[in-house]
C-alpha atoms as a PDB file:
ATOM      1  CA  MET A   1      -2.551 -25.626  -6.857  1.00  0.00           C
ATOM      2  CA  LYS A   2      -3.006 -27.868  -5.181  1.00  0.00           C
ATOM      3  CA  ILE A   3      -4.606 -26.250  -1.586  1.00  0.00           C
ATOM      4  CA  GLY A   4      -5.359 -27.974   2.323  1.00  0.00           C
ATOM      5  CA  VAL A   5      -7.879 -27.211   3.434  1.00  0.00           C
ATOM      6  CA  ILE A   6      -8.008 -26.990   7.527  1.00  0.00           C
ATOM      7  CA  GLY A   7     -11.265 -26.923   8.851  1.00  0.00           C
ATOM      8  CA  SER A   8     -14.412 -26.970   6.773  1.00  0.00           C
ATOM      9  CA  GLY A   9     -16.467 -24.606   7.748  1.00  0.00           C
ATOM     10  CA  ASN A  10     -17.844 -21.110   7.011  1.00  0.00           C
ATOM     11  CA  ILE A  11     -13.876 -19.858   6.009  1.00  0.00           C
ATOM     12  CA  GLY A  12     -12.767 -22.985   4.888  1.00  0.00           C
ATOM     13  CA  GLY A  13     -15.591 -23.877   3.707  1.00  0.00           C
ATOM     14  CA  ASN A  14     -16.320 -21.243   1.249  1.00  0.00           C
ATOM     15  CA  LEU A  15     -12.773 -20.367   0.562  1.00  0.00           C
ATOM     16  CA  GLY A  16     -12.736 -24.166  -0.761  1.00  0.00           C
ATOM     17  CA  LYS A  17     -15.690 -24.358  -3.097  1.00  0.00           C
ATOM     18  CA  HIS A  18     -14.343 -21.304  -4.520  1.00  0.00           C
ATOM     19  CA  TRP A  19     -11.055 -21.847  -5.572  1.00  0.00           C
ATOM     20  CA  ALA A  20     -12.419 -25.242  -7.211  1.00  0.00           C
ATOM     21  CA  LYS A  21     -14.156 -22.938  -9.167  1.00  0.00           C
ATOM     22  CA  ALA A  22     -11.027 -21.047  -9.938  1.00  0.00           C
ATOM     23  CA  GLY A  23     -10.098 -24.153 -11.227  1.00  0.00           C
ATOM     24  CA  HIS A  24      -7.606 -25.462  -8.101  1.00  0.00           C
ATOM     25  CA  GLU A  25      -7.642 -28.783  -6.523  1.00  0.00           C
ATOM     26  CA  VAL A  26      -9.359 -28.582  -3.345  1.00  0.00           C
ATOM     27  CA  LEU A  27      -8.869 -31.645  -0.404  1.00  0.00           C
ATOM     28  CA  PHE A  28     -11.210 -30.824   2.286  1.00  0.00           C
ATOM     29  CA  THR A  29      -9.937 -31.929   5.119  1.00  0.00           C
ATOM     30  CA  SER A  30     -12.144 -33.849   8.815  1.00  0.00           C
ATOM     31  CA  ARG A  31     -11.507 -36.245  11.230  1.00  0.00           C
ATOM     32  CA  HIS A  32     -14.931 -38.004   9.125  1.00  0.00           C
ATOM     33  CA  PRO A  33     -14.377 -37.267   5.503  1.00  0.00           C
ATOM     34  CA  LYS A  34     -17.779 -38.561   4.390  1.00  0.00           C
ATOM     35  CA  GLN A  35     -19.419 -36.529   6.553  1.00  0.00           C
ATOM     36  CA  LEU A  36     -17.942 -33.138   3.853  1.00  0.00           C
ATOM     37  CA  LYS A  37     -19.809 -35.504   0.327  1.00  0.00           C
ATOM     38  CA  GLN A  38     -22.300 -32.822   0.133  1.00  0.00           C
ATOM     39  CA  LEU A  39     -19.538 -29.520   0.359  1.00  0.00           C
ATOM     40  CA  VAL A  40     -17.378 -30.921  -2.239  1.00  0.00           C
ATOM     41  CA  GLN A  41     -20.584 -32.156  -4.913  1.00  0.00           C
ATOM     42  CA  GLU A  42     -21.446 -28.337  -4.498  1.00  0.00           C
ATOM     43  CA  ALA A  43     -17.309 -27.738  -4.568  1.00  0.00           C
ATOM     44  CA  GLY A  44     -17.376 -29.596  -7.635  1.00  0.00           C
ATOM     45  CA  GLY A  45     -14.076 -29.479  -9.749  1.00  0.00           C
ATOM     46  CA  LYS A  46     -10.753 -30.920  -8.799  1.00  0.00           C
ATOM     47  CA  SER A  47     -12.051 -30.947  -4.229  1.00  0.00           C
ATOM     48  CA  LYS A  48     -11.704 -34.183  -2.317  1.00  0.00           C
ATOM     49  CA  ALA A  49     -12.638 -34.804   1.132  1.00  0.00           C
ATOM     50  CA  VAL A  50      -9.886 -36.650   3.063  1.00  0.00           C
ATOM     51  CA  THR A  51      -8.388 -36.805   6.727  1.00  0.00           C
ATOM     52  CA  LEU A  52      -6.052 -34.503   8.278  1.00  0.00           C
ATOM     53  CA  ASP A  53      -3.233 -37.012   7.923  1.00  0.00           C
ATOM     54  CA  GLU A  54      -3.820 -37.117   4.178  1.00  0.00           C
ATOM     55  CA  ALA A  55      -4.090 -33.929   3.782  1.00  0.00           C
ATOM     56  CA  TRP A  56      -0.942 -33.741   5.350  1.00  0.00           C
ATOM     57  CA  GLU A  57       1.046 -36.663   2.967  1.00  0.00           C
ATOM     58  CA  ALA A  58      -0.617 -35.255   0.488  1.00  0.00           C
ATOM     59  CA  ASN A  59       2.358 -32.651  -0.465  1.00  0.00           C
ATOM     60  CA  VAL A  60      -0.181 -30.101  -1.598  1.00  0.00           C
ATOM     61  CA  ASP A  61       1.471 -26.043  -2.247  1.00  0.00           C
ATOM     62  CA  VAL A  62      -0.734 -24.219   0.341  1.00  0.00           C
ATOM     63  CA  TYR A  63      -2.675 -25.214   3.538  1.00  0.00           C
ATOM     64  CA  LEU A  64      -5.284 -22.991   5.297  1.00  0.00           C
ATOM     65  CA  LEU A  65      -5.652 -22.424   8.207  1.00  0.00           C
ATOM     66  CA  ALA A  66      -9.412 -22.237   8.548  1.00  0.00           C
ATOM     67  CA  VAL A  67     -10.001 -23.757  12.473  1.00  0.00           C
ATOM     68  CA  PRO A  68     -10.536 -22.507  16.486  1.00  0.00           C
ATOM     69  CA  PHE A  69      -7.160 -20.658  17.934  1.00  0.00           C
ATOM     70  CA  LYS A  70      -7.624 -23.325  20.500  1.00  0.00           C
ATOM     71  CA  ALA A  71      -6.770 -26.204  17.838  1.00  0.00           C
ATOM     72  CA  ILE A  72      -3.238 -24.333  16.322  1.00  0.00           C
ATOM     73  CA  ASP A  73      -0.512 -25.651  18.768  1.00  0.00           C
ATOM     74  CA  LYS A  74      -2.330 -28.968  18.626  1.00  0.00           C
ATOM     75  CA  LEU A  75      -2.152 -29.262  14.702  1.00  0.00           C
ATOM     76  CA  ALA A  76       0.508 -28.156  14.835  1.00  0.00           C
ATOM     77  CA  GLU A  77       2.265 -30.045  17.680  1.00  0.00           C
ATOM     78  CA  LEU A  78       1.019 -33.638  16.022  1.00  0.00           C
ATOM     79  CA  TYR A  79       2.260 -32.510  12.520  1.00  0.00           C
ATOM     80  CA  ALA A  80       5.326 -31.150  13.354  1.00  0.00           C
ATOM     81  CA  GLY A  81       7.774 -31.262  10.339  1.00  0.00           C
ATOM     82  CA  GLU A  82       5.503 -32.113   8.189  1.00  0.00           C
ATOM     83  CA  TYR A  83       4.713 -28.620   6.623  1.00  0.00           C
ATOM     84  CA  GLY A  84       8.685 -27.061   5.919  1.00  0.00           C
ATOM     85  CA  ASN A  85       8.767 -24.980   3.272  1.00  0.00           C
ATOM     86  CA  LYS A  86       4.975 -25.221   2.490  1.00  0.00           C
ATOM     87  CA  ILE A  87       2.700 -21.934   2.447  1.00  0.00           C
ATOM     88  CA  ILE A  88      -0.014 -21.613   4.881  1.00  0.00           C
ATOM     89  CA  ILE A  89      -2.491 -18.841   5.125  1.00  0.00           C
ATOM     90  CA  ASP A  90      -3.906 -17.868   8.801  1.00  0.00           C
ATOM     91  CA  ALA A  91      -7.300 -17.674   8.446  1.00  0.00           C
ATOM     92  CA  THR A  92      -7.671 -18.010  12.975  1.00  0.00           C
ATOM     93  CA  ASN A  93      -9.176 -15.666  15.407  1.00  0.00           C
ATOM     94  CA  PRO A  94      -7.961 -15.497  18.709  1.00  0.00           C
ATOM     95  CA  TYR A  95     -11.765 -15.644  20.790  1.00  0.00           C
ATOM     96  CA  PRO A  96     -11.043 -16.075  24.243  1.00  0.00           C
ATOM     97  CA  GLU A  97     -14.719 -16.764  25.045  1.00  0.00           C
ATOM     98  CA  ARG A  98     -13.876 -20.146  21.763  1.00  0.00           C
ATOM     99  CA  ASP A  99     -10.332 -20.619  22.537  1.00  0.00           C
ATOM    100  CA  GLY A 100     -10.000 -20.109  26.065  1.00  0.00           C
ATOM    101  CA  GLU A 101      -7.275 -18.517  27.667  1.00  0.00           C
ATOM    102  CA  MET A 102      -4.159 -19.107  25.310  1.00  0.00           C
ATOM    103  CA  ALA A 103      -6.137 -17.399  23.576  1.00  0.00           C
ATOM    104  CA  GLN A 104      -6.150 -14.617  25.658  1.00  0.00           C
ATOM    105  CA  GLU A 105      -2.892 -14.728  26.497  1.00  0.00           C
ATOM    106  CA  VAL A 106      -2.122 -14.252  23.181  1.00  0.00           C
ATOM    107  CA  ARG A 107      -4.729 -11.233  22.989  1.00  0.00           C
ATOM    108  CA  ASP A 108      -2.377  -9.879  25.973  1.00  0.00           C
ATOM    109  CA  SER A 109       1.204 -10.577  24.878  1.00  0.00           C
ATOM    110  CA  ASN A 110       3.215  -8.596  22.954  1.00  0.00           C
ATOM    111  CA  ARG A 111       2.583 -10.858  19.452  1.00  0.00           C
ATOM    112  CA  ASN A 112       0.216 -10.726  17.784  1.00  0.00           C
ATOM    113  CA  ALA A 113      -2.082 -13.915  16.462  1.00  0.00           C
ATOM    114  CA  SER A 114      -0.103 -13.996  12.863  1.00  0.00           C
ATOM    115  CA  GLU A 115       3.025 -14.305  14.498  1.00  0.00           C
ATOM    116  CA  TYR A 116       1.634 -16.783  17.086  1.00  0.00           C
ATOM    117  CA  THR A 117       0.819 -19.247  14.260  1.00  0.00           C
ATOM    118  CA  ALA A 118       3.967 -18.224  12.500  1.00  0.00           C
ATOM    119  CA  MET A 119       5.960 -19.439  15.761  1.00  0.00           C
ATOM    120  CA  LYS A 120       3.909 -23.028  16.099  1.00  0.00           C
ATOM    121  CA  PHE A 121       4.044 -23.555  12.584  1.00  0.00           C
ATOM    122  CA  GLY A 122       8.131 -22.220  12.969  1.00  0.00           C
ATOM    123  CA  THR A 123       9.244 -23.823   8.989  1.00  0.00           C
ATOM    124  CA  ALA A 124       6.528 -22.939   6.841  1.00  0.00           C
ATOM    125  CA  LYS A 125       5.740 -19.492   5.313  1.00  0.00           C
ATOM    126  CA  THR A 126       3.271 -18.145   7.208  1.00  0.00           C
ATOM    127  CA  ALA A 127       0.626 -15.214   5.116  1.00  0.00           C
ATOM    128  CA  LYS A 128      -2.995 -14.071   6.935  1.00  0.00           C
ATOM    129  CA  ALA A 129      -5.777 -12.858   5.344  1.00  0.00           C
ATOM    130  CA  PHE A 130      -9.562 -14.493   5.451  1.00  0.00           C
ATOM    131  CA  ASN A 131      -9.972 -13.610   8.615  1.00  0.00           C
ATOM    132  CA  THR A 132     -11.252  -9.596   8.302  1.00  0.00           C
ATOM    133  CA  ILE A 133     -13.990 -10.649   6.330  1.00  0.00           C
ATOM    134  CA  GLN A 134     -17.804 -11.457   7.220  1.00  0.00           C
ATOM    135  CA  ALA A 135     -18.103 -15.195   6.237  1.00  0.00           C
ATOM    136  CA  GLU A 136     -21.813 -14.321   4.343  1.00  0.00           C
ATOM    137  CA  HIS A 137     -19.901 -11.494   2.622  1.00  0.00           C
ATOM    138  CA  LEU A 138     -17.430 -14.259   1.369  1.00  0.00           C
ATOM    139  CA  LYS A 139     -19.461 -16.400   0.697  1.00  0.00           C
ATOM    140  CA  ASP A 140     -22.295 -14.193  -1.889  1.00  0.00           C
ATOM    141  CA  ARG A 141     -19.435 -11.214  -2.861  1.00  0.00           C
ATOM    142  CA  ALA A 142     -16.870 -12.949  -3.916  1.00  0.00           C
ATOM    143  CA  PHE A 143     -16.500 -13.733  -8.455  1.00  0.00           C
ATOM    144  CA  ARG A 144     -17.158 -10.119  -9.118  1.00  0.00           C
ATOM    145  CA  ASP A 145     -16.064  -7.530 -11.643  1.00  0.00           C
ATOM    146  CA  THR A 146     -17.218  -4.044 -10.059  1.00  0.00           C
ATOM    147  CA  ASP A 147     -17.284  -3.319  -6.895  1.00  0.00           C
ATOM    148  CA  LYS A 148     -15.040  -5.779  -5.801  1.00  0.00           C
ATOM    149  CA  LEU A 149     -14.655  -6.479  -1.830  1.00  0.00           C
ATOM    150  CA  ALA A 150     -11.081  -5.845  -0.871  1.00  0.00           C
ATOM    151  CA  ILE A 151      -9.264  -8.644   1.195  1.00  0.00           C
ATOM    152  CA  PRO A 152      -5.896  -7.609   3.740  1.00  0.00           C
ATOM    153  CA  PHE A 153      -3.684  -9.553   3.846  1.00  0.00           C
ATOM    154  CA  ALA A 154       0.193  -9.958   5.172  1.00  0.00           C
ATOM    155  CA  ALA A 155       3.204 -11.983   4.399  1.00  0.00           C
ATOM    156  CA  GLN A 156       6.819 -13.896   5.937  1.00  0.00           C
ATOM    157  CA  ASP A 157       8.825 -13.645   2.632  1.00  0.00           C
ATOM    158  CA  GLU A 158       7.720 -12.843  -1.158  1.00  0.00           C
ATOM    159  CA  GLU A 159       6.590 -16.440  -1.455  1.00  0.00           C
ATOM    160  CA  SER A 160       4.050 -16.499   0.380  1.00  0.00           C
ATOM    161  CA  LYS A 161       2.776 -12.461  -0.648  1.00  0.00           C
ATOM    162  CA  MET A 162       2.397 -13.358  -3.788  1.00  0.00           C
ATOM    163  CA  VAL A 163       0.372 -16.817  -3.664  1.00  0.00           C
ATOM    164  CA  THR A 164      -1.292 -15.110  -1.869  1.00  0.00           C
ATOM    165  CA  GLN A 165      -2.233 -12.413  -3.329  1.00  0.00           C
ATOM    166  CA  GLN A 166      -3.101 -14.616  -6.666  1.00  0.00           C
ATOM    167  CA  LEU A 167      -5.239 -17.044  -4.074  1.00  0.00           C
ATOM    168  CA  ILE A 168      -7.190 -13.869  -3.403  1.00  0.00           C
ATOM    169  CA  GLU A 169      -7.700 -12.402  -7.114  1.00  0.00           C
ATOM    170  CA  ASP A 170      -8.525 -15.736  -7.722  1.00  0.00           C
ATOM    171  CA  ILE A 171     -11.339 -15.836  -6.968  1.00  0.00           C
ATOM    172  CA  GLY A 172     -12.718 -12.468  -7.434  1.00  0.00           C
ATOM    173  CA  PHE A 173     -11.796 -10.592  -4.834  1.00  0.00           C
ATOM    174  CA  GLU A 174      -9.124  -7.285  -4.508  1.00  0.00           C
ATOM    175  CA  ALA A 175      -5.998  -7.764  -2.601  1.00  0.00           C
ATOM    176  CA  VAL A 176      -4.325  -5.215  -0.156  1.00  0.00           C
ATOM    177  CA  TYR A 177      -1.274  -5.665   1.552  1.00  0.00           C
ATOM    178  CA  ILE A 178      -0.817  -4.782   4.619  1.00  0.00           C
ATOM    179  CA  GLY A 179       2.740  -5.789   5.377  1.00  0.00           C
ATOM    180  CA  GLY A 180       4.623  -8.451   7.462  1.00  0.00           C
ATOM    181  CA  LEU A 181       2.845 -10.081  10.306  1.00  0.00           C
ATOM    182  CA  GLU A 182       4.006  -8.110  12.579  1.00  0.00           C
ATOM    183  CA  ASP A 183       2.015  -5.187  10.369  1.00  0.00           C
ATOM    184  CA  THR A 184      -1.533  -7.774  12.044  1.00  0.00           C
ATOM    185  CA  HIS A 185      -2.683  -6.470  14.593  1.00  0.00           C
ATOM    186  CA  ILE A 186      -4.338  -4.024  13.139  1.00  0.00           C
ATOM    187  CA  MET A 187      -6.804  -7.652  11.567  1.00  0.00           C
ATOM    188  CA  ASP A 188      -6.640  -9.374  14.367  1.00  0.00           C
ATOM    189  CA  PRO A 189     -10.494  -8.850  16.502  1.00  0.00           C
ATOM    190  CA  ASP A 190     -12.024  -5.919  17.631  1.00  0.00           C
ATOM    191  CA  GLN A 191      -9.059  -3.440  16.132  1.00  0.00           C
ATOM    192  CA  LYS A 192      -9.100  -1.268  13.130  1.00  0.00           C
ATOM    193  CA  ILE A 193     -10.298  -3.490  10.537  1.00  0.00           C
ATOM    194  CA  TYR A 194     -11.841  -6.774  11.804  1.00  0.00           C
ATOM    195  CA  GLY A 195     -15.246  -7.308  10.714  1.00  0.00           C
ATOM    196  CA  LYS A 196     -15.191  -5.042   8.351  1.00  0.00           C
ATOM    197  CA  SER A 197     -16.055  -5.648   4.468  1.00  0.00           C
ATOM    198  CA  THR A 198     -15.860  -3.174   2.180  1.00  0.00           C
ATOM    199  CA  ASN A 199     -13.351  -2.309  -1.145  1.00  0.00           C
ATOM    200  CA  ARG A 200      -9.697  -0.738  -1.400  1.00  0.00           C
ATOM    201  CA  GLN A 201     -10.260   2.732  -1.119  1.00  0.00           C
ATOM    202  CA  HIS A 202     -11.938   2.452   2.221  1.00  0.00           C
ATOM    203  CA  LEU A 203     -10.091  -0.161   3.617  1.00  0.00           C
ATOM    204  CA  GLU A 204      -6.619   1.560   2.657  1.00  0.00           C
ATOM    205  CA  GLU A 205      -8.404   5.079   4.795  1.00  0.00           C
ATOM    206  CA  MET A 206      -9.193   2.726   7.605  1.00  0.00           C
ATOM    207  CA  MET A 207      -5.681   1.611   7.241  1.00  0.00           C
ATOM    208  CA  ASN A 208      -3.885   5.273   7.810  1.00  0.00           C
ATOM    209  CA  LYS A 209      -6.595   7.013  10.485  1.00  0.00           C
END
């Protein structure tokens, strides 16, 4: 698959490296792609650094959103129409102390964070994943054959479900489907399974409490 990584920090950077190792084509993005030279070298494989414009024009299969939550409005505004029928994996989290008033409004509203992203990227197929695992575990515990960490995920439709599950399993984690985007409240900050790095059995026990 060709994957556009929007946001190349701890989550996006490490996921991009894992996916490149698994054989996927990875486009890391930055306003200054040359600053990602070391990241691309570490990722190896079929990876390169591009601008945001280039990423949206690249006809990728999947976009990973790993930006601060406050960036979603601007991204959606700038690239409306560029993501029609594309799959977007939302790895963002609303933190009011970082993201300001809009994050607090989303947390106080009747919809959860992934539903907000799906609304903004209205013509895309949105999934939610990789927002609950701790960054150091995402980095260090990929590609395990045993004692795999579970990654909970949700998806808007069957295609986004299948692709997200594959991308989780391709890098040695265990995919745990929790349902549609309306079910992702338990993945949001301060909720049941947020920040929990654990195996499938324990994760499912926490979900069912």
